[in-house]
Protein backbone atom coordinates (compact mmCIF):
# COMPACT_ATOMS: atom_id res chain seq x y z
CA MET A 1 4.85 128.63 -87.19
CA LYS A 2 4.22 131.58 -85.40
CA ILE A 3 7.43 133.33 -83.64
CA PRO A 4 6.72 133.22 -80.07
CA LYS A 5 6.13 136.74 -78.46
CA GLN A 6 9.27 136.45 -76.28
CA LEU A 7 11.58 136.08 -78.70
CA TYR A 8 11.08 139.47 -80.22
CA GLU A 9 12.17 140.98 -77.02
CA TRP A 10 15.69 139.54 -77.06
CA PRO A 11 18.23 141.54 -77.92
CA ILE A 12 20.04 138.99 -80.29
CA TYR A 13 17.15 138.62 -82.32
CA ALA A 14 16.84 142.45 -82.81
CA GLY A 15 20.99 141.91 -83.45
CA ALA A 16 20.43 139.48 -85.72
CA LYS A 17 17.19 141.09 -87.92
CA THR A 18 19.08 144.10 -88.65
CA LEU A 19 22.49 142.35 -89.50
CA PHE A 20 20.13 140.13 -91.95
CA PHE A 21 18.50 143.49 -93.43
CA GLU A 22 21.72 144.91 -93.78
CA ALA A 23 23.48 142.09 -95.86
CA LEU A 24 20.12 141.98 -98.34
CA PHE A 25 20.74 145.56 -98.77
CA TYR A 26 24.22 145.60 -99.46
CA SER A 27 24.38 142.44 -101.64
CA GLY A 28 22.36 143.94 -103.85
CA SER A 29 20.34 140.63 -103.49
CA LEU A 30 16.91 142.46 -103.32
CA LYS A 31 16.32 143.17 -106.89
CA LEU A 32 15.95 139.88 -107.04
CA PHE A 33 12.97 139.67 -104.93
CA ARG A 34 10.99 142.28 -106.28
CA PHE A 35 11.84 140.83 -109.75
CA PHE A 36 9.29 137.63 -108.35
CA HIS A 37 6.29 140.32 -107.69
CA ARG A 38 7.47 142.87 -110.65
CA ASP A 39 4.04 142.14 -111.76
CA ALA A 40 2.00 142.29 -108.68
CA LEU A 41 0.96 146.08 -107.03
CA LEU A 42 2.86 147.01 -103.50
CA VAL A 43 0.71 149.04 -101.58
CA VAL A 44 2.71 151.28 -98.73
CA THR A 45 1.03 152.62 -95.90
CA TYR A 46 2.35 156.22 -93.93
CA HIS A 47 0.41 157.50 -90.96
CA ASP A 48 2.60 160.99 -90.30
CA VAL A 49 5.86 162.71 -91.12
CA LEU A 50 7.31 165.31 -89.11
CA PRO A 51 10.29 167.19 -88.79
CA ALA A 52 13.49 165.14 -86.71
CA GLY A 53 12.67 165.70 -82.88
CA PHE A 54 9.73 164.05 -82.69
CA PRO A 55 10.32 162.15 -79.37
CA GLU A 56 10.98 158.67 -81.35
CA ASN A 57 10.41 155.81 -78.54
CA ASN A 58 6.98 157.30 -77.66
CA PRO A 59 4.24 154.96 -78.86
CA LEU A 60 2.21 157.83 -79.90
CA PHE A 61 4.53 158.42 -82.43
CA GLY A 62 5.57 154.96 -83.22
CA MET A 63 4.39 155.13 -87.21
CA THR A 64 5.98 158.30 -87.83
CA VAL A 65 8.86 159.02 -90.09
CA ALA A 66 11.17 162.26 -90.19
CA THR A 67 11.10 164.66 -93.37
CA ASP A 68 14.72 163.74 -94.41
CA GLU A 69 13.91 159.67 -93.87
CA PHE A 70 10.53 160.46 -96.26
CA GLU A 71 12.70 162.15 -98.71
CA TRP A 72 15.20 159.49 -98.77
CA GLN A 73 12.52 156.67 -98.92
CA LEU A 74 10.73 158.38 -102.00
CA ASP A 75 14.03 159.00 -103.74
CA TYR A 76 14.41 155.11 -103.81
CA ILE A 77 11.11 154.21 -104.32
CA VAL A 78 11.45 157.02 -107.66
CA SER A 79 14.71 155.41 -108.29
CA ARG A 80 13.89 151.62 -109.10
CA TYR A 81 10.24 151.29 -108.89
CA ASN A 82 7.16 153.14 -110.64
CA PRO A 83 4.94 154.57 -108.46
CA VAL A 84 0.90 154.50 -109.68
CA SER A 85 -2.04 156.42 -108.68
CA PHE A 86 -5.46 154.99 -107.18
CA ALA A 87 -7.34 155.75 -110.91
CA GLN A 88 -4.34 153.49 -112.52
CA VAL A 89 -4.95 150.78 -110.00
CA LEU A 90 -8.65 150.85 -109.95
CA ASP A 91 -8.55 150.52 -114.35
CA TRP A 92 -6.03 147.86 -113.89
CA LEU A 93 -8.16 145.88 -110.98
CA ASN A 94 -10.80 146.06 -113.52
CA GLY A 95 -8.82 144.58 -116.27
CA ASN A 96 -8.48 147.72 -118.05
CA GLY A 97 -4.87 148.02 -119.52
CA ARG A 98 -1.84 147.37 -117.55
CA LEU A 99 0.61 148.56 -114.89
CA PRO A 100 4.47 149.72 -115.20
CA ALA A 101 6.44 146.67 -114.08
CA ARG A 102 7.34 147.04 -109.77
CA PRO A 103 4.07 149.47 -109.18
CA VAL A 104 3.92 150.78 -106.32
CA LEU A 105 1.01 152.69 -104.34
CA ILE A 106 1.81 155.49 -101.46
CA THR A 107 -0.95 155.85 -99.06
CA PHE A 108 -1.49 157.81 -95.72
CA ASP A 109 -3.95 156.71 -93.32
CA ASP A 110 -5.96 158.77 -90.40
CA GLY A 111 -5.35 162.63 -92.45
CA HIS A 112 -3.51 164.73 -90.34
CA ALA A 113 -2.65 167.51 -91.45
CA ASN A 114 1.30 166.92 -91.52
CA ASN A 115 0.49 164.79 -94.69
CA VAL A 116 -0.40 168.23 -96.33
CA HIS A 117 2.44 170.55 -94.80
CA TYR A 118 5.30 167.57 -94.70
CA ALA A 119 4.99 165.06 -96.95
CA PHE A 120 2.95 166.51 -99.62
CA PRO A 121 5.91 169.14 -101.14
CA HIS A 122 7.76 166.37 -101.33
CA LEU A 123 5.25 164.08 -103.20
CA LYS A 124 4.89 166.94 -105.58
CA GLU A 125 8.39 167.86 -106.61
CA ARG A 126 8.87 164.00 -107.66
CA GLY A 127 5.36 164.13 -109.53
CA VAL A 128 4.49 160.77 -107.04
CA PRO A 129 0.64 160.21 -106.74
CA PHE A 130 -0.91 159.30 -103.36
CA THR A 131 -3.84 158.47 -101.60
CA CYS A 132 -4.94 159.93 -97.99
CA PHE A 133 -7.66 157.65 -95.90
CA VAL A 134 -9.49 160.56 -93.62
CA VAL A 135 -10.95 159.92 -90.19
CA ALA A 136 -13.88 161.79 -91.10
CA SER A 137 -15.45 162.83 -87.83
CA ALA A 138 -12.04 165.05 -87.19
CA LEU A 139 -11.76 167.72 -90.21
CA GLY A 140 -9.77 170.72 -89.23
CA GLU A 141 -9.51 169.57 -85.37
CA GLN A 142 -6.76 169.31 -83.03
CA LYS A 143 -7.46 165.75 -81.26
CA LEU A 144 -6.69 162.39 -80.06
CA LEU A 145 -8.39 159.71 -81.62
CA TRP A 146 -9.52 157.14 -78.61
CA PHE A 147 -6.10 154.88 -78.55
CA GLU A 148 -4.31 158.20 -78.92
CA GLU A 149 -6.08 159.66 -75.97
CA GLY A 150 -5.25 155.91 -74.10
CA TYR A 151 -1.82 156.51 -74.78
CA SER A 152 -1.27 160.02 -73.69
CA ARG A 153 -3.34 159.20 -70.46
CA ILE A 154 -1.12 156.28 -69.71
CA LEU A 155 2.16 158.41 -70.75
CA TYR A 156 1.42 161.76 -69.01
CA SER A 157 -0.91 161.54 -65.89
CA ASN A 158 1.32 161.96 -62.55
CA LYS A 159 -0.87 158.79 -61.61
CA LYS A 160 1.84 155.52 -60.93
CA VAL A 161 -0.87 152.64 -61.25
CA TRP A 162 -3.51 151.99 -63.95
CA GLN A 163 -6.28 150.00 -62.22
CA LEU A 164 -8.17 147.70 -64.82
CA GLN A 165 -11.81 147.09 -63.75
CA ASN A 166 -11.02 143.49 -63.16
CA GLY A 167 -8.35 144.78 -60.39
CA GLU A 168 -5.24 143.97 -62.34
CA SER A 169 -2.98 146.59 -61.33
CA ILE A 170 -0.78 148.05 -64.21
CA PRO A 171 2.58 149.78 -62.90
CA LEU A 172 3.35 152.95 -64.63
CA GLY A 173 6.45 154.12 -61.93
CA THR A 174 9.08 154.06 -65.23
CA PRO A 175 9.13 155.52 -69.13
CA GLU A 176 9.39 151.53 -69.78
CA GLN A 177 6.54 150.71 -67.58
CA ARG A 178 4.14 153.46 -69.71
CA SER A 179 5.21 151.75 -72.71
CA ALA A 180 4.44 148.36 -71.53
CA ALA A 181 0.92 149.64 -70.33
CA CYS A 182 0.28 150.95 -74.02
CA SER A 183 0.56 148.17 -75.39
CA LYS A 184 -1.46 146.08 -73.01
CA PHE A 185 -4.43 148.82 -73.36
CA PHE A 186 -3.64 148.25 -77.26
CA MET A 187 -4.13 144.31 -76.94
CA MET A 188 -6.60 144.55 -74.01
CA PHE A 189 -9.44 146.53 -76.30
CA HIS A 190 -9.07 144.23 -79.51
CA LYS A 191 -10.55 141.42 -77.06
CA LEU A 192 -13.43 143.61 -75.25
CA SER A 193 -16.77 144.12 -76.87
CA GLU A 194 -17.85 147.80 -77.71
CA ALA A 195 -19.66 148.49 -74.24
CA GLU A 196 -16.65 146.62 -72.44
CA GLN A 197 -14.61 149.47 -74.28
CA GLU A 198 -16.78 152.53 -73.38
CA SER A 199 -16.83 151.05 -69.89
CA GLU A 200 -12.97 150.58 -69.54
CA ILE A 201 -11.94 153.82 -71.46
CA SER A 202 -14.28 155.88 -68.77
CA HIS A 203 -12.58 154.18 -65.84
CA LEU A 204 -9.28 155.02 -67.47
CA ARG A 205 -10.16 158.89 -67.51
CA ALA A 206 -11.36 158.86 -64.23
CA GLN A 207 -8.04 157.45 -62.72
CA LEU A 208 -5.63 158.83 -65.46
CA PRO A 209 -6.07 162.41 -65.44
CA LEU A 210 -4.55 164.46 -68.19
CA GLU A 211 -2.49 167.72 -67.76
CA LYS A 212 -3.35 170.19 -70.45
CA GLY A 213 -0.27 170.49 -72.68
CA ALA A 214 0.94 167.40 -71.39
CA GLY A 215 3.42 165.70 -74.07
CA SER A 216 4.97 167.27 -76.82
CA PHE A 217 4.66 168.15 -80.74
CA PRO A 218 0.81 168.68 -80.53
CA SER A 219 0.64 169.89 -83.86
CA ARG A 220 1.15 165.73 -84.56
CA PHE A 221 -2.63 165.36 -83.84
CA ASP A 222 -4.09 168.18 -86.21
CA PHE A 223 -6.53 166.86 -89.25
CA LEU A 224 -6.74 167.54 -92.63
CA SER A 225 -9.26 171.04 -92.92
CA GLU A 226 -11.76 170.48 -95.83
CA GLU A 227 -9.97 173.51 -97.69
CA GLU A 228 -6.54 170.91 -97.54
CA LEU A 229 -8.58 168.13 -98.78
CA ILE A 230 -9.64 169.85 -101.70
CA THR A 231 -6.34 171.38 -101.87
CA LEU A 232 -5.08 167.72 -101.88
CA ARG A 233 -7.79 166.33 -104.36
CA ALA A 234 -7.28 169.34 -106.79
CA SER A 235 -3.44 168.24 -106.95
CA GLY A 236 -3.63 164.67 -107.87
CA GLY A 237 -4.49 163.10 -104.69
CA GLU A 238 -7.20 160.48 -104.25
CA ILE A 239 -9.01 160.88 -101.11
CA GLY A 240 -10.36 157.53 -99.15
CA ALA A 241 -12.53 157.24 -95.73
CA HIS A 242 -11.40 155.62 -93.29
CA THR A 243 -14.36 155.29 -90.92
CA MET A 244 -15.91 158.76 -88.73
CA THR A 245 -13.75 157.29 -85.45
CA HIS A 246 -11.49 155.29 -86.23
CA PRO A 247 -12.98 151.98 -83.92
CA ILE A 248 -12.10 148.31 -83.80
CA LEU A 249 -14.48 147.66 -86.46
CA ALA A 250 -15.19 144.08 -85.76
CA SER A 251 -15.88 144.75 -82.11
CA GLN A 252 -18.51 147.08 -83.04
CA SER A 253 -22.18 146.44 -83.56
CA SER A 254 -23.41 145.78 -86.94
CA LYS A 255 -25.54 149.30 -86.61
CA ASN A 256 -22.23 151.13 -85.48
CA ALA A 257 -19.96 149.48 -87.45
CA GLY A 258 -22.37 150.27 -90.35
CA ASP A 259 -22.33 153.86 -89.48
CA GLU A 260 -18.77 154.23 -89.00
CA ILE A 261 -18.37 153.02 -92.72
CA ARG A 262 -21.47 154.66 -94.35
CA LEU A 263 -21.38 158.40 -92.63
CA SER A 264 -17.68 158.47 -93.59
CA LYS A 265 -18.25 158.53 -96.74
CA SER A 266 -20.99 160.70 -97.13
CA VAL A 267 -19.22 163.46 -94.64
CA LEU A 268 -15.88 163.42 -97.29
CA GLU A 269 -18.48 163.26 -100.19
CA LYS A 270 -20.20 166.43 -99.01
CA ALA A 271 -16.55 167.90 -98.09
CA LEU A 272 -15.20 167.12 -101.70
CA GLY A 273 -18.13 167.69 -103.94
CA THR A 274 -17.44 164.36 -105.62
CA THR A 275 -17.69 160.61 -105.02
CA VAL A 276 -14.93 158.63 -102.31
CA GLN A 277 -14.29 155.35 -103.86
CA ALA A 278 -11.36 154.08 -101.79
CA PHE A 279 -11.83 152.79 -98.15
CA ALA A 280 -9.40 151.86 -95.52
CA TYR A 281 -9.70 149.57 -92.68
CA PRO A 282 -8.81 151.64 -89.00
CA PHE A 283 -5.55 149.23 -87.62
CA GLY A 284 -6.44 146.53 -90.38
CA MET A 285 -5.96 143.41 -89.73
CA PRO A 286 -8.04 141.00 -91.03
CA GLN A 287 -10.26 138.78 -88.75
CA LEU A 288 -8.75 140.74 -85.72
CA ASP A 289 -9.77 144.39 -86.32
CA PHE A 290 -12.36 143.94 -89.64
CA SER A 291 -14.74 141.12 -90.44
CA THR A 292 -16.20 139.77 -93.49
CA ARG A 293 -19.45 141.20 -92.78
CA ASP A 294 -17.36 144.71 -91.91
CA SER A 295 -15.95 143.94 -95.76
CA GLU A 296 -19.60 143.38 -97.19
CA THR A 297 -20.60 146.76 -95.59
CA VAL A 298 -18.26 148.25 -97.41
CA LYS A 299 -19.10 146.95 -100.66
CA GLN A 300 -22.76 147.65 -100.34
CA ALA A 301 -21.72 151.43 -99.11
CA GLY A 302 -20.40 151.66 -102.69
CA PHE A 303 -16.77 151.83 -102.19
CA SER A 304 -14.86 150.39 -105.14
CA LEU A 305 -12.03 149.19 -103.06
CA ALA A 306 -10.95 148.40 -99.91
CA PHE A 307 -7.34 148.25 -97.91
CA ALA A 308 -6.45 146.22 -94.99
CA ALA A 309 -2.71 146.20 -92.90
CA ASN A 310 -1.83 142.85 -93.45
CA ALA A 311 1.81 142.46 -95.32
CA GLY A 312 1.40 141.10 -99.14
CA PHE A 313 1.42 142.27 -102.95
CA VAL A 314 -1.96 142.89 -104.76
CA THR A 315 -2.38 141.25 -107.76
CA ARG A 316 -5.82 141.20 -109.88
CA ASN A 317 -7.01 138.08 -107.93
CA SER A 318 -6.59 139.86 -104.84
CA ASP A 319 -9.94 140.42 -102.99
CA ARG A 320 -10.47 143.93 -103.67
CA PHE A 321 -12.47 144.81 -100.16
CA ALA A 322 -9.10 143.35 -98.34
CA LEU A 323 -5.79 144.68 -100.52
CA PRO A 324 -3.13 144.06 -98.53
CA ARG A 325 -0.91 146.90 -97.58
CA ILE A 326 2.80 147.15 -96.01
CA GLY A 327 3.21 149.91 -93.28
CA ILE A 328 5.99 152.13 -92.93
CA GLY A 329 7.00 153.54 -89.33
CA ARG A 330 10.27 153.98 -87.63
CA MET A 331 12.77 151.72 -89.71
CA SER A 332 16.35 151.64 -90.79
CA ARG A 333 17.02 152.38 -94.59
CA ALA A 334 18.06 148.57 -95.13
CA GLN A 335 14.84 147.62 -93.49
CA PHE A 336 12.35 149.79 -95.47
CA ALA A 337 14.65 148.72 -98.95
CA THR A 338 14.02 145.16 -97.68
CA THR A 339 10.00 145.69 -96.82
CA ILE A 340 8.90 147.00 -100.12
CA SER A 341 11.44 144.43 -102.12
CA GLY A 342 8.93 141.69 -100.77
CA ALA A 343 12.19 139.87 -99.20
CA LEU A 344 10.18 139.21 -95.87
CA HIS A 345 7.39 137.94 -97.51
CA SER A 346 8.67 135.76 -99.74
CA ILE A 347 11.33 134.36 -96.99
CA LYS A 348 8.43 134.13 -94.43
CA GLY A 349 6.31 132.48 -96.81
CA LEU A 350 8.43 129.91 -96.92
CA ALA A 351 9.75 129.68 -94.23
CA GLY A 352 6.16 129.20 -92.99
CA LEU A 353 6.58 131.98 -90.60
CA GLY A 354 4.23 134.08 -89.07
CA ASN A 355 4.33 138.23 -89.26
């Protein structure tokens, strides 16, 4: 069954969830849950790693981890799990060799430059392999992706109302209303066709002007340059594709979705001078953000593996073009430890609960 959305907004639910994480973390029972999945691969997904001080409650920074927390999380993983490389995972899925017990593959999505500035030094220090999935059209630029632009206009425009083309008025009078409007924007775009998305975002641009320099931490939107990609690759990192512009693939026409997938591979291969084997779907929920059509296109484009964003563990029987991953964003240490142990995945499965 699905948990009603309204329940997530109740303070009592948030408090109970926190107590649940703390109880599992301090009781030592997480070892038991990971034991059940000891021969399966856990893939974790990061996006941005920044020094403390970024606006944590801002939707633009929802999947950002502070550097001190990132260090703690790496140390936790290294002390209890076994980080593996993309090459090891590919060999294992091809039936060649075995992975160590409790294997973990660390990945990063989007390809922001903070990955090399703030994450890579800590990964290198601990000898932890990693894979970066890169939006190929943005190399070396400071750029907002389309949904980030939408969020920015909603958050920082001096207008107090966002008027949808269907006549609905979305209030923007308070920070809470603006944050809720960002969620509205994201959910709405999942229900629109490609043409409707383009029309709605043009309408949003016209009525919600964005002042130059609005917001903070502009370096959050710096993308890796070709030289930085080469540096990461030479240091043992795997570089994968994350489309050209980060669209909702399922809403795109077959031609546009195919171009997003195939061109991202060729652009990155030209920059790196080597084959790009890994792909990650933007947003990543099967049948919502990408379809079987897109998975088949990824396969035909010559990728070896593709990663989704639905929680779970990878086994040799997993669909190689929809491998599950667990996203890491703002969370307590107890929640992080509980999440990567597989406890949540196991308990939800036993209880028949949705994500």
